[in-house]
Protein backbone atom coordinates (compact mmCIF):
# COMPACT_ATOMS: atom_id res chain seq x y z
CA MET A 1 -3.41 -9.54 57.76
CA ARG A 2 -2.45 -7.64 60.86
CA TYR A 3 -1.92 -3.92 60.53
CA THR A 4 -0.07 -1.58 62.85
CA LYS A 5 -0.86 1.99 63.83
CA THR A 6 0.73 4.74 61.84
CA MET A 7 4.45 5.22 62.51
CA LEU A 8 7.65 6.87 61.38
CA ASP A 9 10.37 5.01 59.60
CA ILE A 10 12.75 3.83 62.31
CA ARG A 11 15.68 4.48 60.08
CA PHE A 12 14.73 8.06 59.91
CA ILE A 13 14.45 8.18 63.73
CA ARG A 14 18.01 6.62 64.06
CA GLU A 15 19.46 9.26 61.76
CA ASN A 16 17.46 12.22 63.26
CA PRO A 17 16.87 11.46 66.93
CA ASP A 18 17.04 15.01 68.25
CA ARG A 19 14.76 16.37 65.50
CA VAL A 20 12.18 13.66 66.19
CA GLN A 21 12.29 14.31 69.91
CA GLU A 22 11.92 18.00 69.35
CA ALA A 23 9.10 17.58 66.86
CA ALA A 24 7.06 15.41 69.23
CA ALA A 25 7.38 17.93 72.01
CA GLN A 26 6.29 20.71 69.57
CA LYS A 27 3.14 18.72 68.88
CA GLY A 28 2.50 18.08 72.51
CA TYR A 29 3.54 14.47 72.71
CA GLN A 30 5.72 13.03 75.52
CA VAL A 31 8.08 10.42 73.99
CA ASP A 32 11.50 9.06 74.91
CA ILE A 33 13.55 8.70 71.71
CA GLU A 34 16.72 7.69 73.62
CA GLU A 35 14.81 4.85 75.17
CA LEU A 36 13.32 3.80 71.89
CA LEU A 37 16.66 3.65 70.30
CA ARG A 38 17.96 1.56 73.17
CA VAL A 39 15.18 -0.87 72.81
CA ASP A 40 15.70 -0.85 68.94
CA GLU A 41 19.39 -1.73 69.42
CA SER A 42 18.50 -4.53 71.72
CA ARG A 43 15.86 -5.83 69.32
CA ARG A 44 18.33 -5.81 66.47
CA GLU A 45 21.00 -7.75 68.57
CA LEU A 46 18.43 -10.40 69.42
CA GLN A 47 17.24 -10.65 65.81
CA GLN A 48 20.76 -11.10 64.71
CA LYS A 49 21.37 -13.75 67.38
CA ALA A 50 18.15 -15.60 66.47
CA ASP A 51 19.13 -15.60 62.78
CA GLU A 52 22.62 -17.00 63.60
CA LEU A 53 21.09 -19.73 65.70
CA ARG A 54 18.57 -20.61 62.95
CA THR A 55 21.41 -20.78 60.36
CA ARG A 56 23.44 -23.09 62.52
CA ARG A 57 20.37 -25.35 63.23
CA ASN A 58 19.82 -25.57 59.44
CA GLU A 59 23.43 -26.56 58.88
CA ILE A 60 23.12 -29.37 61.54
CA ALA A 61 19.90 -30.56 59.99
CA THR A 62 21.68 -30.85 56.64
CA GLN A 63 24.53 -32.80 58.18
CA MET A 64 22.13 -35.19 59.88
CA LYS A 65 20.63 -36.17 56.52
CA GLY A 66 23.93 -37.68 55.54
CA GLY A 67 23.76 -40.64 57.91
CA LYS A 68 23.86 -41.42 61.59
CA PRO A 69 24.71 -38.05 63.37
CA SER A 70 27.32 -38.13 66.15
CA ALA A 71 26.24 -37.69 69.62
CA GLU A 72 27.94 -34.26 69.79
CA LEU A 73 25.92 -33.11 66.76
CA VAL A 74 22.71 -34.38 68.32
CA GLU A 75 23.58 -32.70 71.60
CA GLU A 76 24.34 -29.41 69.81
CA GLY A 77 21.10 -29.60 67.96
CA LYS A 78 19.13 -29.93 71.18
CA ARG A 79 21.02 -27.02 72.81
CA LEU A 80 20.48 -24.82 69.89
CA LYS A 81 16.71 -25.59 69.95
CA VAL A 82 16.52 -24.44 73.64
CA GLU A 83 18.70 -21.44 73.07
CA LEU A 84 16.71 -20.31 70.02
CA SER A 85 13.52 -20.67 71.95
CA GLU A 86 14.76 -18.51 74.72
CA VAL A 87 16.08 -15.77 72.35
CA GLU A 88 12.74 -15.81 70.39
CA ASP A 89 10.83 -15.30 73.69
CA ARG A 90 13.02 -12.34 74.71
CA LEU A 91 12.83 -11.05 71.11
CA HIS A 92 8.97 -11.16 71.24
CA VAL A 93 8.92 -9.08 74.51
CA VAL A 94 11.40 -6.58 73.22
CA ASP A 95 9.67 -6.27 69.80
CA GLU A 96 6.24 -5.65 71.45
CA SER A 97 7.85 -2.87 73.55
CA PHE A 98 9.54 -1.41 70.54
CA ILE A 99 6.38 -1.33 68.43
CA THR A 100 4.35 0.26 71.28
CA MET A 101 6.93 3.02 71.71
CA LEU A 102 7.22 3.58 67.93
CA LYS A 103 3.38 3.93 67.56
CA ALA A 104 3.49 6.73 70.05
CA ILE A 105 5.72 9.00 67.91
CA PRO A 106 3.85 11.59 65.79
CA ASN A 107 4.77 12.66 62.29
CA VAL A 108 7.50 15.27 61.97
CA PRO A 109 6.21 18.73 61.01
CA LEU A 110 7.63 20.33 57.89
CA PRO A 111 10.01 23.28 58.54
CA GLU A 112 7.42 25.87 57.51
CA VAL A 113 4.88 24.87 60.14
CA PRO A 114 4.80 27.43 62.87
CA ILE A 115 5.54 26.19 66.38
CA GLY A 116 2.74 26.72 68.77
CA VAL A 117 0.87 25.19 71.72
CA SER A 118 -2.78 25.75 70.67
CA GLU A 119 -4.80 26.68 67.56
CA ALA A 120 -4.55 30.31 68.82
CA GLU A 121 -1.06 30.31 67.36
CA ASN A 122 -2.12 29.33 63.81
CA VAL A 123 -0.81 31.95 61.34
CA GLU A 124 -3.10 33.73 58.90
CA ILE A 125 -1.43 33.72 55.44
CA ARG A 126 -3.98 35.38 53.36
CA THR A 127 -7.58 36.58 53.24
CA TRP A 128 -10.15 36.75 50.35
CA GLY A 129 -13.50 38.52 49.76
CA GLU A 130 -15.16 41.50 51.22
CA ARG A 131 -16.97 41.12 54.55
CA PRO A 132 -20.65 42.12 54.14
CA SER A 133 -22.09 45.08 55.99
CA PHE A 134 -25.75 45.17 57.07
CA ASP A 135 -28.03 48.11 57.86
CA PHE A 136 -30.31 45.86 59.99
CA PRO A 137 -29.75 43.68 63.07
CA ILE A 138 -27.69 40.66 62.13
CA LYS A 139 -29.15 37.24 62.89
CA ASN A 140 -27.12 34.06 63.23
CA HIS A 141 -27.77 31.08 61.09
CA ALA A 142 -29.70 29.23 63.85
CA GLU A 143 -32.21 32.03 64.21
CA ILE A 144 -32.78 32.24 60.40
CA ALA A 145 -33.00 28.48 59.88
CA GLU A 146 -35.27 27.91 62.73
CA ALA A 147 -37.57 30.76 61.59
CA LYS A 148 -37.72 29.28 58.17
CA GLY A 149 -38.66 25.82 59.51
CA TRP A 150 -35.27 24.44 58.14
CA LEU A 151 -33.97 23.20 61.53
CA ASP A 152 -35.58 21.40 64.45
CA LYS A 153 -33.27 20.79 67.34
CA GLU A 154 -36.00 19.93 69.86
CA ARG A 155 -37.36 17.03 68.03
CA GLY A 156 -33.85 15.92 67.03
CA ALA A 157 -32.98 15.90 70.78
CA LYS A 158 -36.10 14.03 71.61
CA ILE A 159 -35.19 11.20 69.21
CA ALA A 160 -31.47 11.02 69.49
CA GLY A 161 -30.37 13.32 72.18
CA ALA A 162 -28.49 16.66 72.23
CA ARG A 163 -26.67 17.82 69.18
CA PHE A 164 -28.70 15.76 66.72
CA VAL A 165 -31.08 17.84 64.54
CA TYR A 166 -33.60 17.45 61.73
CA THR A 167 -32.77 19.74 58.79
CA MET A 168 -35.72 20.23 56.42
CA GLY A 169 -37.14 22.07 53.35
CA ASP A 170 -34.94 24.44 51.35
CA LEU A 171 -31.97 23.88 53.70
CA VAL A 172 -31.82 20.32 52.52
CA LEU A 173 -32.11 21.42 48.90
CA LEU A 174 -29.39 23.96 49.40
CA GLU A 175 -27.19 21.33 51.04
CA MET A 176 -27.81 18.96 47.92
CA ALA A 177 -26.89 21.74 45.62
CA LEU A 178 -23.59 22.32 47.42
CA TRP A 179 -22.59 18.63 47.05
CA ARG A 180 -23.49 18.57 43.36
CA PHE A 181 -21.70 21.74 42.58
CA ALA A 182 -18.58 20.38 44.18
CA MET A 183 -18.92 17.06 42.43
CA ASP A 184 -19.18 18.84 39.06
CA ILE A 185 -16.04 20.86 39.72
CA LEU A 186 -13.95 17.99 40.92
CA THR A 187 -14.91 15.73 38.03
CA ASN A 188 -14.19 18.28 35.38
CA ALA A 189 -10.64 18.06 34.04
CA ASP A 190 -10.84 21.48 32.30
CA VAL A 191 -11.77 23.31 35.55
CA LEU A 192 -9.07 21.45 37.41
CA GLN A 193 -6.46 22.39 34.64
CA SER A 194 -7.43 26.12 35.03
CA ILE A 195 -6.92 25.99 38.79
CA ILE A 196 -3.51 24.25 38.23
CA ASP A 197 -2.52 26.90 35.60
CA GLU A 198 -3.62 29.78 37.77
CA HIS A 199 -1.38 28.63 40.74
CA GLY A 200 1.49 27.23 38.68
CA ILE A 201 1.19 23.88 40.47
CA LYS A 202 3.00 20.87 38.83
CA VAL A 203 0.33 18.12 39.10
CA SER A 204 -1.88 16.41 36.57
CA ALA A 205 -5.46 17.49 35.96
CA ARG A 206 -6.71 13.92 36.39
CA PRO A 207 -10.32 14.23 37.73
CA PHE A 208 -11.55 12.97 41.05
CA THR A 209 -13.55 9.76 41.09
CA PRO A 210 -16.88 9.97 43.20
CA ILE A 211 -16.97 7.38 45.88
CA LEU A 212 -19.48 6.47 48.64
CA PRO A 213 -17.19 4.66 51.21
CA PRO A 214 -18.32 2.65 54.26
CA ALA A 215 -19.28 4.58 57.34
CA VAL A 216 -17.49 2.20 59.62
CA ALA A 217 -14.09 0.61 59.90
CA LYS A 218 -12.50 -2.19 61.90
CA GLN A 219 -10.34 -0.97 64.82
CA GLU A 220 -7.02 -2.12 63.29
CA VAL A 221 -7.87 -0.35 60.09
CA PHE A 222 -8.86 2.78 61.80
CA GLU A 223 -5.66 2.70 63.85
CA ALA A 224 -3.57 2.33 60.76
CA THR A 225 -4.91 5.65 59.48
CA GLY A 226 -3.88 7.37 62.70
CA ARG A 227 -7.38 8.85 63.05
CA LEU A 228 -8.88 6.82 65.82
CA ASN A 229 -9.59 9.18 68.77
CA ARG A 230 -11.52 7.28 71.28
CA GLN A 231 -11.98 9.97 74.06
CA GLU A 232 -12.79 12.99 72.03
CA GLN A 233 -14.13 12.01 68.69
CA THR A 234 -14.95 8.52 67.67
CA TYR A 235 -18.05 6.39 68.40
CA LYS A 236 -17.74 2.70 68.71
CA ILE A 237 -20.47 0.20 67.82
CA GLU A 238 -21.21 -1.91 70.90
CA ASP A 239 -20.26 -5.59 70.78
CA GLU A 240 -18.73 -5.02 67.25
CA ASP A 241 -15.23 -4.52 66.13
CA LEU A 242 -16.39 -1.38 64.27
CA TRP A 243 -16.08 2.32 64.73
CA LEU A 244 -18.09 4.99 63.02
CA ASN A 245 -16.17 7.31 60.67
CA ALA A 246 -15.62 10.91 61.86
CA SER A 247 -14.94 12.00 58.24
CA ALA A 248 -15.08 10.37 54.81
CA GLU A 249 -11.24 10.20 54.49
CA HIS A 250 -11.06 7.87 57.55
CA THR A 251 -12.47 5.02 55.41
CA ILE A 252 -11.18 6.18 51.99
CA ALA A 253 -7.48 6.41 53.05
CA PRO A 254 -7.16 2.66 53.80
CA ILE A 255 -8.89 1.47 50.64
CA TYR A 256 -5.58 0.21 49.15
CA MET A 257 -4.26 -1.48 52.36
CA ASP A 258 -1.75 -4.16 51.67
CA GLU A 259 -1.72 -3.44 47.96
CA ILE A 260 0.90 -2.48 45.38
CA LEU A 261 -0.30 0.06 42.89
CA ASP A 262 1.25 0.61 39.53
CA GLU A 263 2.83 4.04 39.01
CA SER A 264 0.69 4.70 36.01
CA GLN A 265 -2.40 4.62 38.26
CA LEU A 266 -1.22 7.64 40.25
CA PRO A 267 -2.37 10.07 41.16
CA ILE A 268 -5.56 8.42 42.41
CA ARG A 269 -8.14 11.01 43.45
CA TYR A 270 -11.39 10.34 45.20
CA VAL A 271 -14.15 12.70 46.26
CA GLY A 272 -16.23 10.74 48.91
CA TYR A 273 -19.47 11.56 50.64
CA THR A 274 -20.50 10.20 53.97
CA THR A 275 -22.51 11.01 56.92
CA ALA A 276 -19.98 11.43 59.77
CA PHE A 277 -20.19 10.97 63.47
CA ARG A 278 -18.21 12.72 66.17
CA ARG A 279 -18.45 12.83 69.98
CA GLU A 280 -17.27 16.47 70.01
CA ALA A 281 -16.34 16.20 73.64
CA GLY A 282 -15.72 19.46 75.45
CA THR A 283 -17.50 21.81 73.05
CA TYR A 284 -20.00 24.39 74.23
CA GLY A 285 -21.34 27.92 73.81
CA LYS A 286 -21.76 29.28 70.26
CA ASP A 287 -20.41 25.99 68.79
CA ALA A 288 -23.58 24.26 70.13
CA GLU A 289 -26.02 26.58 68.36
CA GLY A 290 -27.74 25.59 65.08
CA PHE A 291 -25.75 22.99 63.19
CA PHE A 292 -22.16 24.31 63.57
CA ARG A 293 -20.98 21.32 65.56
CA LEU A 294 -23.17 18.23 65.71
CA HIS A 295 -22.70 14.72 66.67
CA GLN A 296 -23.88 13.71 63.10
CA PHE A 297 -23.26 15.75 60.00
CA ASN A 298 -22.56 15.33 56.19
CA LYS A 299 -19.21 15.78 54.58
CA LEU A 300 -17.66 15.72 51.09
CA GLU A 301 -13.94 14.82 51.37
CA MET A 302 -11.04 14.69 48.93
CA GLU A 303 -8.47 11.90 49.28
CA CYS A 304 -5.37 11.50 47.07
CA PHE A 305 -2.77 8.94 46.58
CA THR A 306 0.55 10.03 44.86
CA THR A 307 4.19 9.32 44.51
CA ALA A 308 6.61 10.93 47.09
CA GLU A 309 7.88 13.63 44.73
CA THR A 310 4.42 14.90 43.76
CA SER A 311 2.70 14.72 47.20
CA TYR A 312 3.56 18.29 48.37
CA ASP A 313 2.29 19.83 45.10
CA GLU A 314 -0.83 17.69 45.49
CA HIS A 315 -1.41 19.35 48.95
CA LEU A 316 -1.10 22.70 47.37
CA PHE A 317 -3.56 21.68 44.64
CA LEU A 318 -6.13 20.62 47.16
CA VAL A 319 -5.80 23.94 48.95
CA ALA A 320 -6.29 25.76 45.66
CA ILE A 321 -9.38 23.66 44.95
CA GLN A 322 -10.80 24.65 48.36
CA GLU A 323 -10.25 28.29 47.69
CA TYR A 324 -11.82 28.10 44.31
CA LEU A 325 -14.92 26.51 45.72
CA MET A 326 -15.26 29.23 48.33
CA GLN A 327 -14.62 31.94 45.74
CA GLN A 328 -17.30 30.63 43.57
CA LEU A 329 -19.67 30.79 46.42
CA ASN A 330 -18.45 34.37 47.05
CA LEU A 331 -17.86 33.71 50.72
CA PRO A 332 -15.18 35.82 52.47
CA TYR A 333 -12.62 33.71 54.15
CA HIS A 334 -8.96 33.58 55.44
CA VAL A 335 -6.38 30.82 55.08
CA LEU A 336 -4.38 29.65 58.10
CA GLU A 337 -1.16 27.77 58.37
CA LYS A 338 -1.85 25.47 61.28
CA CYS A 339 0.80 25.35 64.11
CA THR A 340 2.57 22.23 65.40
CA ALA A 341 0.09 21.64 68.21
CA ASP A 342 -2.95 21.77 65.91
CA ILE A 343 -1.97 19.69 62.79
CA GLY A 344 -2.59 16.26 64.45
CA ARG A 345 -0.43 13.22 64.89
CA PRO A 346 -0.35 11.82 61.34
CA ASN A 347 0.17 15.28 59.70
CA ALA A 348 3.38 16.93 58.57
CA LYS A 349 1.50 20.09 57.62
CA GLY A 350 -1.99 21.41 57.77
CA ILE A 351 -3.97 24.29 56.20
CA ASP A 352 -7.40 25.56 57.49
CA ILE A 353 -9.77 27.75 55.68
CA GLU A 354 -12.24 29.70 57.79
CA VAL A 355 -15.39 31.57 56.65
CA TRP A 356 -16.42 34.91 57.95
CA LEU A 357 -19.57 34.67 60.26
CA PRO A 358 -21.09 38.12 60.63
CA SER A 359 -23.08 37.12 63.73
CA GLN A 360 -19.90 36.15 65.63
CA GLY A 361 -17.59 38.86 64.00
CA VAL A 362 -14.92 36.10 63.46
CA TYR A 363 -13.74 33.65 60.93
CA ARG A 364 -14.70 29.96 61.70
CA GLU A 365 -13.32 26.74 60.18
CA THR A 366 -14.96 25.25 57.03
CA HIS A 367 -12.00 23.35 55.48
CA THR A 368 -8.94 21.41 56.49
CA ALA A 369 -6.15 20.17 54.15
CA ASP A 370 -3.75 17.46 55.64
CA TYR A 371 -0.35 16.75 54.16
CA ILE A 372 0.65 13.36 55.60
CA GLY A 373 3.30 11.81 53.38
CA ASP A 374 3.97 8.26 53.97
CA TYR A 375 3.14 8.19 57.65
CA GLN A 376 -0.24 6.28 57.01
CA THR A 377 0.86 4.15 54.17
CA ARG A 378 3.76 2.60 56.17
CA ALA A 379 1.14 1.19 58.50
CA MET A 380 -1.26 0.35 55.78
CA LYS A 381 1.24 -1.20 53.51
CA THR A 382 0.09 0.81 50.53
CA ARG A 383 2.94 0.89 47.98
CA VAL A 384 3.62 1.81 44.40
CA ARG A 385 5.73 -0.15 41.86
CA ARG A 386 7.72 2.39 39.98
CA ALA A 387 8.47 2.18 36.20
CA ASP A 388 11.94 0.99 37.05
CA GLY A 389 10.64 -1.82 39.17
CA ARG A 390 11.26 -0.18 42.60
CA VAL A 391 8.49 -0.54 45.20
CA GLU A 392 8.05 2.42 47.41
CA LEU A 393 5.43 3.77 49.84
CA VAL A 394 2.58 5.77 48.39
CA HIS A 395 1.92 9.30 49.90
CA THR A 396 -1.53 10.41 51.06
CA ASN A 397 -3.19 13.79 51.18
CA ASP A 398 -6.67 14.52 52.39
CA ALA A 399 -8.74 17.71 52.31
CA THR A 400 -12.29 18.85 52.89
CA ALA A 401 -14.38 19.66 49.73
CA PHE A 402 -17.45 20.78 51.64
CA SER A 403 -18.89 20.07 54.97
CA GLN A 404 -22.24 21.61 56.03
CA ARG A 405 -20.42 24.62 57.51
CA PRO A 406 -20.33 26.67 54.31
CA LEU A 407 -24.09 26.50 54.50
CA ILE A 408 -23.77 28.58 57.70
CA GLY A 409 -21.60 31.09 55.82
CA ILE A 410 -24.09 31.30 53.02
CA ILE A 411 -27.00 31.84 55.40
CA GLU A 412 -25.22 34.42 57.43
CA ASN A 413 -23.36 36.43 54.68
CA ASN A 414 -26.37 36.36 52.32
CA GLN A 415 -29.20 37.18 54.81
CA THR A 416 -31.67 39.80 54.06
CA GLU A 417 -33.59 42.11 56.27
CA SER A 418 -36.85 40.04 55.77
CA GLY A 419 -35.08 36.90 56.98
CA ASP A 420 -34.65 35.34 53.57
CA VAL A 421 -31.27 34.11 52.15
CA THR A 422 -29.94 34.96 48.74
CA VAL A 423 -28.66 31.97 46.86
CA PRO A 424 -25.06 32.19 45.44
CA VAL A 425 -25.20 32.35 41.68
CA VAL A 426 -23.26 29.10 41.13
CA LEU A 427 -25.86 27.09 43.17
CA ARG A 428 -28.98 28.50 41.38
CA PRO A 429 -28.97 26.04 38.50
CA TYR A 430 -29.22 23.25 41.12
CA LEU A 431 -32.23 24.95 42.67
CA GLY A 432 -34.21 25.40 39.54
CA GLY A 433 -32.91 28.96 39.07
CA ARG A 434 -34.16 30.20 42.51
CA GLU A 435 -32.44 33.35 43.65
CA VAL A 436 -33.73 33.64 47.18
CA LEU A 437 -34.81 31.07 49.77
């Protein structure tokens, strides 16, 4: 089975050419919708011509079965064969051009997405928590972790190169506690129902299924998700048709490629853990300190498959879960509505949550929630059979449960004058009741 890259429905583009052209520009993509529609028209005309020629050839073939065909009929059959071959060749060329152009068009942002040319124009929509104050010099997470023997960048660089580290000791235990805490929340229907009730969201409380997905994907599969970023993000395995995942949802999203799900199965919710790999091209400065932005890191990701009418509420639900997790850790944060230039090609909407980092005096990203709709599933051919028999495209959402970055927030916001770290109350049961590390 051959899969295409993610793409918009051509029927939507035909009906909304100006909106699609404008939306692409707002996301920073240079596309020519007028030319695409011209090629689309040519493609449809050639397809119609090919269908007509095939129909006539079939009619001639039927007539020839009745006895000796006339010379005129034989000649017409030969002519149609040549003409059909020529039309099919032209159609192949035009179709390749059409698909290439269609792949380049990003998803259309929802109306509430702010227009902007960079992440600096993301809009803060709310804040939570009290920023801590300290009566001693503030240390950053790297200083604390290195002093504790939790982080070894030098030996990591010696073995694997820059931006690879060894994490050790209590930092590893704290990280494992974070994963288990999130898993316990996401697999608990009662807790999920309480989050739904608090926010008045119209979704089911069906728990998430834990999943350990592959850490690699074939190129055509990766392209179908719309997440293959060769230059800035994704590592390729040499001499293999495999790319390393840059986040768990990259290999969870395509799990149902070329499948038709039953409506009763939805929503399907996964919480998946992987080690992720990113090139992180162009980053420097404070982002290179400690373990804020590494080439290898661990991540727990939520991926949901829903019907079209429930997908937006599912997005809101995922954001509510993210906020619940951060509030349980008692970490101050703010929530951002991402602007058009920052939401990414497959996304129709995006939310970021950023934790307060005392050492920098700013909020920094810990969570992202992506509302994608059917942009991925059209390429992946992931569909749902409704109760009335209709077959439609499934909708997808993905969102961070936890990466390692909340650990940075815990270390910095909970630091003590002696250089220790106070453990959030909800994580203490996973650490044998320890209150301080």
